[in-house]
Protein backbone atom coordinates (compact mmCIF):
# COMPACT_ATOMS: atom_id res chain seq x y z
CA MET A 1 -8.33 -30.93 13.21
CA SER A 2 -7.03 -27.47 12.55
CA PRO A 3 -8.90 -25.62 9.41
CA VAL A 4 -5.53 -24.28 8.08
CA LYS A 5 -3.63 -27.78 7.99
CA GLY A 6 -1.71 -28.53 5.29
CA LYS A 7 -1.55 -24.68 4.51
CA GLN A 8 -0.10 -23.16 7.77
CA ASP A 9 2.29 -24.60 10.12
CA MET A 10 2.03 -24.05 13.74
CA ARG A 11 4.05 -20.92 14.37
CA THR A 12 2.17 -19.26 11.05
CA GLU A 13 -1.01 -20.09 12.53
CA LEU A 14 -0.16 -18.78 16.12
CA THR A 15 1.39 -15.31 14.75
CA VAL A 16 -2.15 -15.11 12.48
CA ALA A 17 -4.09 -15.80 16.00
CA ILE A 18 -1.96 -13.33 17.94
CA ILE A 19 -2.13 -10.45 15.26
CA ARG A 20 -6.16 -11.03 15.12
CA SER A 21 -6.73 -11.01 18.73
CA PHE A 22 -4.73 -7.28 18.89
CA MET A 23 -7.17 -6.27 15.65
CA ALA A 24 -10.26 -7.63 17.46
CA THR A 25 -9.81 -5.20 20.27
CA LYS A 26 -11.58 -1.90 19.27
CA ALA A 27 -10.04 0.95 21.27
CA PRO A 28 -10.50 4.45 20.22
CA LEU A 29 -8.95 5.26 17.22
CA GLY A 30 -6.49 7.76 18.33
CA LYS A 31 -5.37 5.87 21.20
CA THR A 32 -4.55 3.01 18.41
CA GLN A 33 -2.91 5.39 16.35
CA LYS A 34 -0.48 6.50 19.32
CA GLN A 35 0.66 2.92 19.74
CA GLY A 36 1.46 2.28 16.13
CA ILE A 37 3.63 5.59 15.95
CA ARG A 38 5.31 5.12 19.09
CA ASP A 39 9.18 5.08 17.94
CA PRO A 40 11.01 2.15 19.39
CA GLY A 41 14.39 4.01 18.61
CA VAL A 42 17.11 2.63 16.20
CA LYS A 43 19.45 0.12 17.03
CA GLY A 44 21.18 -2.76 14.96
CA PRO A 45 21.93 -2.61 11.48
CA MET A 46 20.29 -0.04 10.07
CA TRP A 47 21.10 3.79 9.43
CA VAL A 48 17.96 5.99 9.83
CA SER A 49 18.32 9.83 8.89
CA LYS A 50 15.00 12.01 9.68
CA VAL A 51 14.08 14.78 7.28
CA THR A 52 11.15 17.12 7.01
CA LEU A 53 10.21 18.27 3.41
CA PRO A 54 8.77 21.74 3.28
CA GLN A 55 5.39 22.63 2.25
CA PRO A 56 5.45 22.65 -1.42
CA GLU A 57 3.24 25.22 -3.92
CA VAL A 58 -0.31 24.79 -4.21
CA ASP A 59 0.29 23.58 -7.67
CA VAL A 60 1.08 20.15 -6.41
CA ARG A 61 -2.64 19.90 -4.67
CA ASP A 62 -4.02 21.41 -7.75
CA ALA A 63 -2.66 18.78 -10.15
CA VAL A 64 -4.01 15.98 -7.72
CA LEU A 65 -7.26 17.37 -7.96
CA HIS A 66 -7.21 17.57 -11.95
CA ALA A 67 -6.29 13.74 -11.77
CA ILE A 68 -9.14 13.26 -9.28
CA GLU A 69 -11.54 15.05 -11.24
CA ASP A 70 -10.40 13.52 -14.74
CA LEU A 71 -10.96 9.96 -13.54
CA LYS A 72 -14.48 10.84 -12.11
CA THR A 73 -17.72 8.73 -13.18
CA GLY A 74 -20.18 10.30 -11.30
CA ASP A 75 -21.03 12.54 -8.32
CA GLU A 76 -18.20 11.68 -6.15
CA ILE A 77 -17.39 14.25 -3.37
CA TYR A 78 -14.27 14.64 -1.36
CA ASP A 79 -12.32 17.00 0.90
CA ILE A 80 -9.71 18.94 -0.22
CA PRO A 81 -6.85 18.97 2.32
CA ALA A 82 -3.98 21.57 2.82
CA THR A 83 -0.22 21.39 1.55
CA VAL A 84 1.79 20.73 4.47
CA ALA A 85 5.41 19.76 5.33
CA VAL A 86 5.94 16.16 5.57
CA GLU A 87 8.24 14.21 7.95
CA ALA A 88 10.34 11.61 6.40
CA GLU A 89 13.17 9.37 7.10
CA TRP A 90 15.94 7.89 5.18
CA THR A 91 16.71 4.27 5.87
CA GLY A 92 19.56 2.17 4.92
CA TYR A 93 22.07 -0.76 5.79
CA ARG A 94 24.70 -0.71 8.45
CA ALA A 95 27.08 -3.20 8.33
CA GLY A 96 29.48 -4.81 11.02
CA VAL A 97 27.29 -4.25 13.89
CA GLY A 98 25.06 -6.36 16.24
CA LYS A 99 21.25 -6.29 16.56
CA GLU A 100 21.79 -4.61 20.01
CA THR A 101 24.16 -1.83 19.01
CA PRO A 102 22.61 1.56 19.58
CA GLU A 103 22.40 4.41 17.14
CA PRO A 104 25.68 6.52 16.73
CA ASP A 105 25.39 9.90 18.32
CA LEU A 106 25.94 11.68 15.06
CA SER A 107 23.61 14.59 13.61
CA GLU A 108 20.76 13.60 11.03
CA GLU A 109 23.33 14.85 8.10
CA GLU A 110 26.06 13.08 9.15
CA LYS A 111 23.89 9.81 9.65
CA TYR A 112 22.67 10.74 5.87
CA TYR A 113 26.35 10.37 4.60
CA LYS A 114 26.97 7.63 6.54
CA LEU A 115 23.96 6.01 5.12
CA SER A 116 25.04 6.87 1.63
CA GLU A 117 28.51 5.46 2.01
CA GLU A 118 26.90 2.05 2.96
CA SER A 119 24.34 2.24 -0.22
CA PRO A 120 26.50 1.55 -3.31
CA SER A 121 23.44 1.53 -5.99
CA ASP A 122 22.32 4.18 -8.09
CA MET A 123 18.74 3.46 -7.30
CA THR A 124 16.38 5.16 -4.80
CA ILE A 125 13.68 3.12 -3.25
CA LEU A 126 10.37 5.31 -2.53
CA TYR A 127 8.57 3.27 0.39
CA PHE A 128 5.15 3.73 1.87
CA HIS A 129 4.20 1.59 4.73
CA GLY A 130 0.77 -0.05 5.21
CA GLY A 131 -1.82 0.58 8.24
CA ALA A 132 -5.21 1.13 6.48
CA TYR A 133 -4.44 4.82 5.77
CA CYS A 134 -4.75 5.38 9.58
CA LEU A 135 -2.05 3.67 11.35
CA LEU A 136 1.77 2.76 11.74
CA ASP A 137 4.44 4.94 10.64
CA PRO A 138 7.95 4.58 8.90
CA CYS A 139 9.40 4.01 12.52
CA SER A 140 7.45 0.52 12.72
CA HIS A 141 8.84 -0.74 9.45
CA ARG A 142 12.36 0.08 9.97
CA VAL A 143 13.67 -3.69 9.94
CA PRO A 144 12.27 -5.11 6.80
CA VAL A 145 13.14 -1.79 5.02
CA ALA A 146 16.56 -1.73 6.27
CA HIS A 147 16.91 -5.49 5.24
CA LEU A 148 15.43 -4.48 1.70
CA SER A 149 18.37 -1.64 1.69
CA HIS A 150 20.51 -4.32 2.37
CA LEU A 151 19.69 -6.63 -0.47
CA THR A 152 19.64 -4.15 -2.91
CA GLY A 153 22.34 -1.56 -1.93
CA ALA A 154 19.85 1.11 -2.30
CA PRO A 155 18.70 4.00 0.36
CA VAL A 156 14.81 3.79 1.03
CA PHE A 157 13.26 6.87 1.46
CA SER A 158 10.02 6.34 3.71
CA HIS A 159 7.27 8.69 4.10
CA THR A 160 3.57 9.49 2.77
CA SER A 161 4.33 11.76 -0.06
CA HIS A 162 6.89 12.16 -2.70
CA SER A 163 8.92 14.14 -4.78
CA TYR A 164 11.47 13.59 -7.81
CA THR A 165 13.09 17.14 -7.16
CA PRO A 166 14.43 17.74 -3.71
CA PRO A 167 13.46 21.15 -2.36
CA SER A 168 16.47 23.76 -1.66
CA GLY A 169 18.55 22.67 0.91
CA SER A 170 17.75 19.13 0.98
CA LEU A 171 20.71 16.33 2.14
CA HIS A 172 20.07 14.56 -1.19
CA LYS A 173 20.45 15.53 -5.07
CA ALA A 174 17.46 15.15 -7.64
CA VAL A 175 17.00 11.13 -8.43
CA PRO A 176 16.17 10.73 -12.05
CA ALA A 177 12.71 8.88 -12.07
CA SER A 178 14.28 6.01 -14.07
CA LYS A 179 16.30 5.29 -10.90
CA ILE A 180 13.18 5.35 -8.52
CA VAL A 181 11.00 2.09 -7.61
CA PHE A 182 7.82 2.72 -5.87
CA ALA A 183 7.05 0.33 -3.31
CA GLY A 184 4.62 -0.51 -0.26
CA ASP A 185 2.72 -2.84 1.55
CA SER A 186 -0.93 -3.24 1.86
CA ALA A 187 -2.33 0.22 2.09
CA GLY A 188 1.15 1.37 1.08
CA GLY A 189 0.84 -1.05 -1.96
CA ASN A 190 -2.18 0.92 -2.91
CA LEU A 191 -0.51 4.57 -2.45
CA SER A 192 2.12 3.02 -4.97
CA LEU A 193 -0.37 2.05 -7.55
CA VAL A 194 -2.52 5.11 -6.88
CA LEU A 195 0.40 7.40 -7.33
CA LEU A 196 1.39 5.76 -10.46
CA GLN A 197 -2.16 6.21 -11.43
CA THR A 198 -2.01 9.94 -10.83
CA LEU A 199 1.16 10.37 -12.94
CA LEU A 200 -0.18 8.32 -15.75
CA THR A 201 -3.66 10.76 -15.66
CA LEU A 202 -1.33 13.88 -15.50
CA ASN A 203 0.88 12.42 -18.16
CA ARG A 204 -1.90 11.94 -20.55
CA ALA A 205 -2.43 15.51 -19.88
CA SER A 206 0.83 16.51 -20.74
CA ARG A 207 1.20 18.67 -17.45
CA THR A 208 4.15 19.91 -15.55
CA ILE A 209 4.13 21.04 -11.86
CA ARG A 210 5.78 23.76 -10.14
CA PHE A 211 7.23 22.34 -7.07
CA HIS A 212 9.72 24.51 -4.84
CA GLY A 213 10.23 26.86 -7.65
CA GLU A 214 10.85 24.63 -10.51
CA ASN A 215 8.60 23.35 -13.21
CA VAL A 216 9.03 19.78 -13.04
CA PRO A 217 7.95 17.49 -16.01
CA ILE A 218 5.68 14.40 -15.05
CA GLU A 219 8.17 11.24 -15.36
CA LEU A 220 7.30 7.44 -14.57
CA PRO A 221 9.50 5.62 -12.18
CA ALA A 222 11.39 2.50 -13.11
CA GLY A 223 8.93 0.23 -11.37
CA VAL A 224 6.35 -0.58 -8.82
CA ALA A 225 6.41 -3.23 -6.05
CA THR A 226 3.68 -3.99 -4.06
CA ILE A 227 3.14 -6.53 -1.07
CA SER A 228 -0.23 -7.57 -0.33
CA PRO A 229 -1.86 -4.46 -1.78
CA TRP A 230 -4.97 -2.74 -0.76
CA CYS A 231 -6.42 -2.41 -4.30
CA ASP A 232 -9.96 -2.72 -3.27
CA VAL A 233 -10.91 -0.08 -0.53
CA THR A 234 -14.55 -1.40 -0.75
CA ARG A 235 -13.56 -4.62 0.26
CA SER A 236 -16.18 -6.34 -2.01
CA MET A 237 -13.95 -9.42 -3.47
CA PRO A 238 -15.03 -12.96 -2.46
CA SER A 239 -11.47 -13.89 -0.84
CA THR A 240 -12.05 -11.08 1.88
CA SER A 241 -14.20 -13.72 3.30
CA SER A 242 -13.34 -17.11 1.62
CA ASN A 243 -9.59 -16.45 2.98
CA ALA A 244 -10.38 -14.92 6.29
CA HIS A 245 -9.77 -18.81 8.21
CA LEU A 246 -6.08 -18.12 7.06
CA ASP A 247 -5.78 -14.29 7.73
CA TYR A 248 -5.96 -12.01 10.46
CA LEU A 249 -7.63 -9.38 8.63
CA GLU A 250 -11.47 -9.52 9.53
CA ALA A 251 -14.05 -10.59 6.83
CA PRO A 252 -16.17 -7.34 6.02
CA THR A 253 -19.75 -7.00 6.67
CA GLY A 254 -21.85 -6.21 3.58
CA PRO A 255 -25.27 -6.33 1.81
CA SER A 256 -26.94 -10.04 1.33
CA ASP A 257 -26.70 -11.61 -1.67
CA ASP A 258 -30.48 -12.37 -1.62
CA PRO A 259 -32.11 -8.95 -2.90
CA ALA A 260 -35.17 -9.53 -0.66
CA VAL A 261 -33.10 -9.22 2.50
CA LYS A 262 -32.07 -6.00 3.52
CA THR A 263 -28.71 -5.76 5.30
CA PRO A 264 -28.11 -2.60 7.98
CA PHE A 265 -25.03 -1.02 7.60
CA THR A 266 -22.70 -1.27 10.51
CA PRO A 267 -20.29 1.50 11.42
CA LEU A 268 -16.44 0.57 12.06
CA ARG A 269 -16.25 -0.78 15.63
CA PHE A 270 -13.86 1.59 17.37
CA ALA A 271 -14.79 3.24 20.59
CA PRO A 272 -15.58 7.03 19.90
CA ASP A 273 -13.17 9.93 20.67
CA ASP A 274 -12.14 13.10 19.14
CA ILE A 275 -11.07 11.36 15.64
CA TRP A 276 -13.36 8.84 14.69
CA PRO A 277 -16.52 9.05 14.17
CA THR A 278 -15.72 12.48 12.06
CA SER A 279 -18.31 15.11 11.83
CA PRO A 280 -20.16 14.88 9.91
CA PRO A 281 -19.78 11.03 9.86
CA ARG A 282 -18.46 8.78 7.01
CA ALA A 283 -18.86 5.31 6.48
CA ASP A 284 -15.20 4.76 5.82
CA ILE A 285 -11.96 6.47 7.41
CA TYR A 286 -10.16 6.96 4.46
CA CYS A 287 -12.70 8.98 2.22
CA ASN A 288 -16.50 9.63 1.52
CA ALA A 289 -18.19 6.53 0.59
CA SER A 290 -19.13 7.98 -3.10
CA MET A 291 -15.52 7.96 -3.67
CA LEU A 292 -14.80 4.44 -2.81
CA SER A 293 -14.70 3.11 -6.39
CA HIS A 294 -12.75 5.97 -7.68
CA PRO A 295 -9.51 4.50 -9.61
CA LEU A 296 -7.27 7.03 -7.10
CA VAL A 297 -9.07 5.36 -4.04
CA SER A 298 -9.39 1.58 -5.41
CA PRO A 299 -6.98 1.07 -8.14
CA LEU A 300 -8.83 -2.06 -8.77
CA ALA A 301 -11.42 0.08 -10.39
CA ALA A 302 -9.24 1.35 -12.89
CA PRO A 303 -9.79 -0.65 -16.28
CA ALA A 304 -6.76 -1.64 -18.35
CA ASP A 305 -6.65 1.13 -20.86
CA LEU A 306 -6.08 3.13 -17.53
CA TRP A 307 -2.50 1.04 -16.94
CA LYS A 308 -1.05 1.34 -20.56
CA ASN A 309 2.45 2.95 -20.68
CA ALA A 310 2.89 2.13 -17.02
CA PRO A 311 6.53 0.65 -15.92
CA PRO A 312 7.04 -3.08 -14.74
CA ILE A 313 4.82 -3.78 -11.80
CA TRP A 314 5.88 -6.64 -9.04
CA ILE A 315 2.72 -8.03 -7.00
CA SER A 316 3.32 -10.25 -4.31
CA THR A 317 0.31 -12.00 -2.38
CA GLY A 318 -0.36 -14.75 0.28
CA GLU A 319 -3.62 -16.88 0.34
CA GLU A 320 -5.39 -14.08 2.18
CA GLY A 321 -8.48 -11.61 2.32
CA LEU A 322 -6.83 -9.39 -0.58
CA THR A 323 -5.87 -12.23 -2.84
CA ASP A 324 -8.57 -11.52 -5.25
CA GLU A 325 -7.72 -7.95 -5.81
CA SER A 326 -4.29 -8.66 -6.42
CA LEU A 327 -4.67 -11.41 -9.11
CA ILE A 328 -7.46 -9.40 -10.70
CA LEU A 329 -4.90 -6.34 -11.15
CA ALA A 330 -2.06 -8.50 -12.33
CA ARG A 331 -4.47 -9.37 -15.09
CA ARG A 332 -5.41 -5.86 -15.69
CA VAL A 333 -2.03 -4.54 -16.04
CA TYR A 334 -0.74 -7.45 -18.03
CA GLN A 335 -3.82 -6.79 -20.46
CA ALA A 336 -2.58 -3.32 -20.95
CA GLY A 337 0.74 -4.54 -22.05
CA VAL A 338 2.70 -3.68 -18.76
CA PRO A 339 5.31 -6.17 -17.99
CA VAL A 340 4.22 -7.80 -14.63
CA VAL A 341 5.63 -10.05 -12.17
CA ALA A 342 3.32 -11.51 -9.61
CA GLU A 343 3.74 -14.34 -6.98
CA MET A 344 1.21 -16.10 -4.49
CA PHE A 345 2.27 -17.91 -1.34
CA GLU A 346 -0.25 -20.73 -0.56
CA GLY A 347 -1.69 -20.53 2.94
CA MET A 348 0.33 -16.91 3.80
CA PRO A 349 -1.36 -14.50 5.55
CA HIS A 350 -1.57 -10.70 4.75
CA CYS A 351 1.84 -9.24 4.31
CA HIS A 352 3.61 -12.28 5.79
CA GLY A 353 7.00 -11.54 4.26
CA ILE A 354 7.79 -8.69 6.27
CA LEU A 355 5.89 -9.94 9.34
CA MET A 356 7.71 -13.44 9.80
CA MET A 357 11.17 -12.57 8.27
CA ASP A 358 12.99 -15.51 9.65
CA ARG A 359 10.88 -17.96 7.99
CA PRO A 360 11.86 -19.48 4.44
CA ALA A 361 8.87 -18.15 2.52
CA SER A 362 9.97 -14.52 3.79
CA HIS A 363 13.36 -15.25 2.32
CA ARG A 364 11.89 -16.22 -1.18
CA PHE A 365 9.77 -13.25 -0.77
CA PHE A 366 12.57 -10.98 -0.42
CA GLU A 367 14.55 -12.43 -2.93
CA GLY A 368 11.89 -11.86 -5.41
CA PHE A 369 11.19 -7.99 -4.12
CA ALA A 370 14.88 -7.09 -4.19
CA GLY A 371 15.46 -9.16 -7.50
CA PHE A 372 12.68 -6.81 -9.03
CA CYS A 373 13.77 -3.46 -7.92
CA ARG A 374 17.41 -4.10 -9.29
CA ASP A 375 15.82 -5.41 -12.65
CA ALA A 376 13.36 -2.36 -12.85
CA VAL A 377 16.24 -0.04 -12.70
CA ALA A 378 18.51 -2.03 -15.06
CA GLY A 379 15.49 -2.04 -17.44
CA ARG A 380 15.62 -5.78 -17.59
CA VAL A 381 12.13 -6.94 -16.39
CA LEU A 382 10.37 -9.84 -18.59
CA SER A 383 7.00 -10.38 -17.97
CA THR A 384 6.21 -14.21 -18.90
CA GLY A 385 2.41 -13.77 -18.63
CA TYR A 386 2.24 -16.20 -15.78
CA LEU A 387 1.90 -16.14 -12.08
CA THR A 388 4.28 -18.11 -9.83
CA TRP A 389 2.42 -20.33 -7.09
CA LEU A 390 4.55 -21.37 -4.31
CA GLY A 391 3.04 -23.99 -2.29
CA PHE A 392 3.07 -24.97 1.50
CA LYS A 393 6.51 -24.84 2.88
CA LEU A 394 7.70 -23.94 -0.61
CA GLN A 395 7.71 -27.76 -1.48
CA LEU A 396 5.81 -26.88 -4.88
CA THR A 397 5.97 -24.42 -7.31
CA LYS A 398 3.29 -23.76 -10.30
CA GLU A 399 3.13 -21.37 -13.33
CA ILE A 400 -0.45 -20.42 -13.77
CA PRO A 401 -1.45 -18.15 -16.51
CA ILE A 402 -2.21 -14.65 -15.23
CA GLU A 403 -5.37 -14.30 -17.30
CA LYS A 404 -6.62 -17.45 -15.69
CA ALA A 405 -5.39 -16.62 -12.11
CA SER A 406 -8.66 -15.61 -11.30
CA GLU A 407 -12.13 -16.79 -12.32
CA ILE A 408 -13.60 -13.47 -11.45
CA SER A 409 -14.31 -11.42 -14.50
CA ASP A 410 -14.15 -7.42 -14.99
CA GLU A 411 -17.72 -7.28 -15.05
CA GLN A 412 -18.37 -9.11 -11.98
CA VAL A 413 -15.39 -6.99 -10.07
CA GLU A 414 -17.13 -3.88 -11.27
CA ALA A 415 -20.74 -4.97 -10.11
CA LEU A 416 -19.29 -6.14 -6.78
CA MET A 417 -17.59 -3.07 -6.05
CA GLN A 418 -20.46 -1.09 -7.24
CA ARG A 419 -22.93 -2.79 -4.98
CA MET A 420 -20.80 -2.28 -2.03
CA THR A 421 -20.23 1.38 -2.45
CA ALA A 422 -23.86 1.99 -2.91
CA TRP A 423 -24.44 -0.10 0.44
CA LYS A 424 -21.89 1.89 2.04
CA LEU A 425 -23.14 5.23 0.77
CA GLU A 426 -26.48 4.52 1.70
CA GLY A 427 -25.02 3.85 5.31
CA GLU A 428 -23.31 6.99 5.21
CA ILE A 429 -26.65 8.97 4.57
CA GLU A 430 -28.00 7.25 7.04
CA LEU A 431 -25.31 8.14 9.75
CA ARG A 432 -25.87 11.92 8.70
CA LYS A 433 -29.62 11.70 9.05
CA GLN A 434 -28.82 10.70 12.66
CA TRP A 435 -25.98 13.20 13.15
CA ARG A 436 -28.15 16.08 11.85
CA ALA A 437 -30.98 15.12 14.21
CA THR A 438 -28.72 14.68 17.32
CA ALA A 439 -27.11 18.00 16.35
CA ARG A 440 -30.54 19.66 16.63
CA LEU A 441 -31.48 18.27 20.22
């Protein structure tokens, strides 16, 4: 008997198995990245207009560094990146064409105006794609993003940075913060929450930012919508292992539960290339191990009081590796007095709604996603205090109090995250010792 019987149908189980097999192949990271950003081209019912945002003033970076330092709790160390130009794309729905209809031969500016004509809403969705902060691209997410645009009537801006005030010469006019919704899947959900936490931190300092020649006040978006958000980059919550049979995300390794047993740290299993491992080596692709429990790396590390005054937040998760962190974060923001709408789909894997878009569960997922975006901009999001649990094949729906959706206490969360961070930090120190010894040969 299948271990997922009663939770996944055969098609879902097969989809999970196929993705799992792809992820088990540990090719060099650079090769994997190139495969994930290969542009398939634009066709079918979507408009795509590519843009490049010029490099902003250093004040933007300084503001982020201020937020990082403000939320540090110890001796976290991190690299300081340069400010650079950002490539991005506007995505919208194109009506009246078939799935194979090619993109018209128009300039990027002309495509943007066509997109705008078919986007009647005054809302703009700022979408951050997933990919563990090292994989994929806006081009890999065009189909679900265009569908979201269709359902909301809003243009979607997809990139890895953001601005409320466009630089001089931009195709679009400044969009009021009250008309913007942050959204993202997986690591993009993490980035949506981290960006919100950054803005909340800067707001507490009453700071403005110099951006392309203008002093821009820090304002909050209308809402934040997250799909299977990666809230705990330490990957220390129990569901990362207990739900692994339902998901394609591999269960992580970690320290033994027995203090007498020492589990050696195992580096990520990518074949080496000029990208990974780094020089000097790190335990994690995204950041130094000491930063893993920082609130601007793992939003789950942010206590409830740091979420006060946040706009409404929508969280959708499956029964997956990241379920625990989604439910705990929902509880935290609810306890902070923030309107939160949370839903969980029984048996569904990571980001199921944007992976299997022709399934009933995905239809229900997009209904909730688009509805939240519309309600957030209209200022009508109501927090019931309940998690909506949707059963296998949507045959049963239950309302569970958000505060009881996870039995893991905040104290347990902190202990688990700190334990995993310490284990990875110890492993990183050992990796660097070996690296220095090799460098001397």
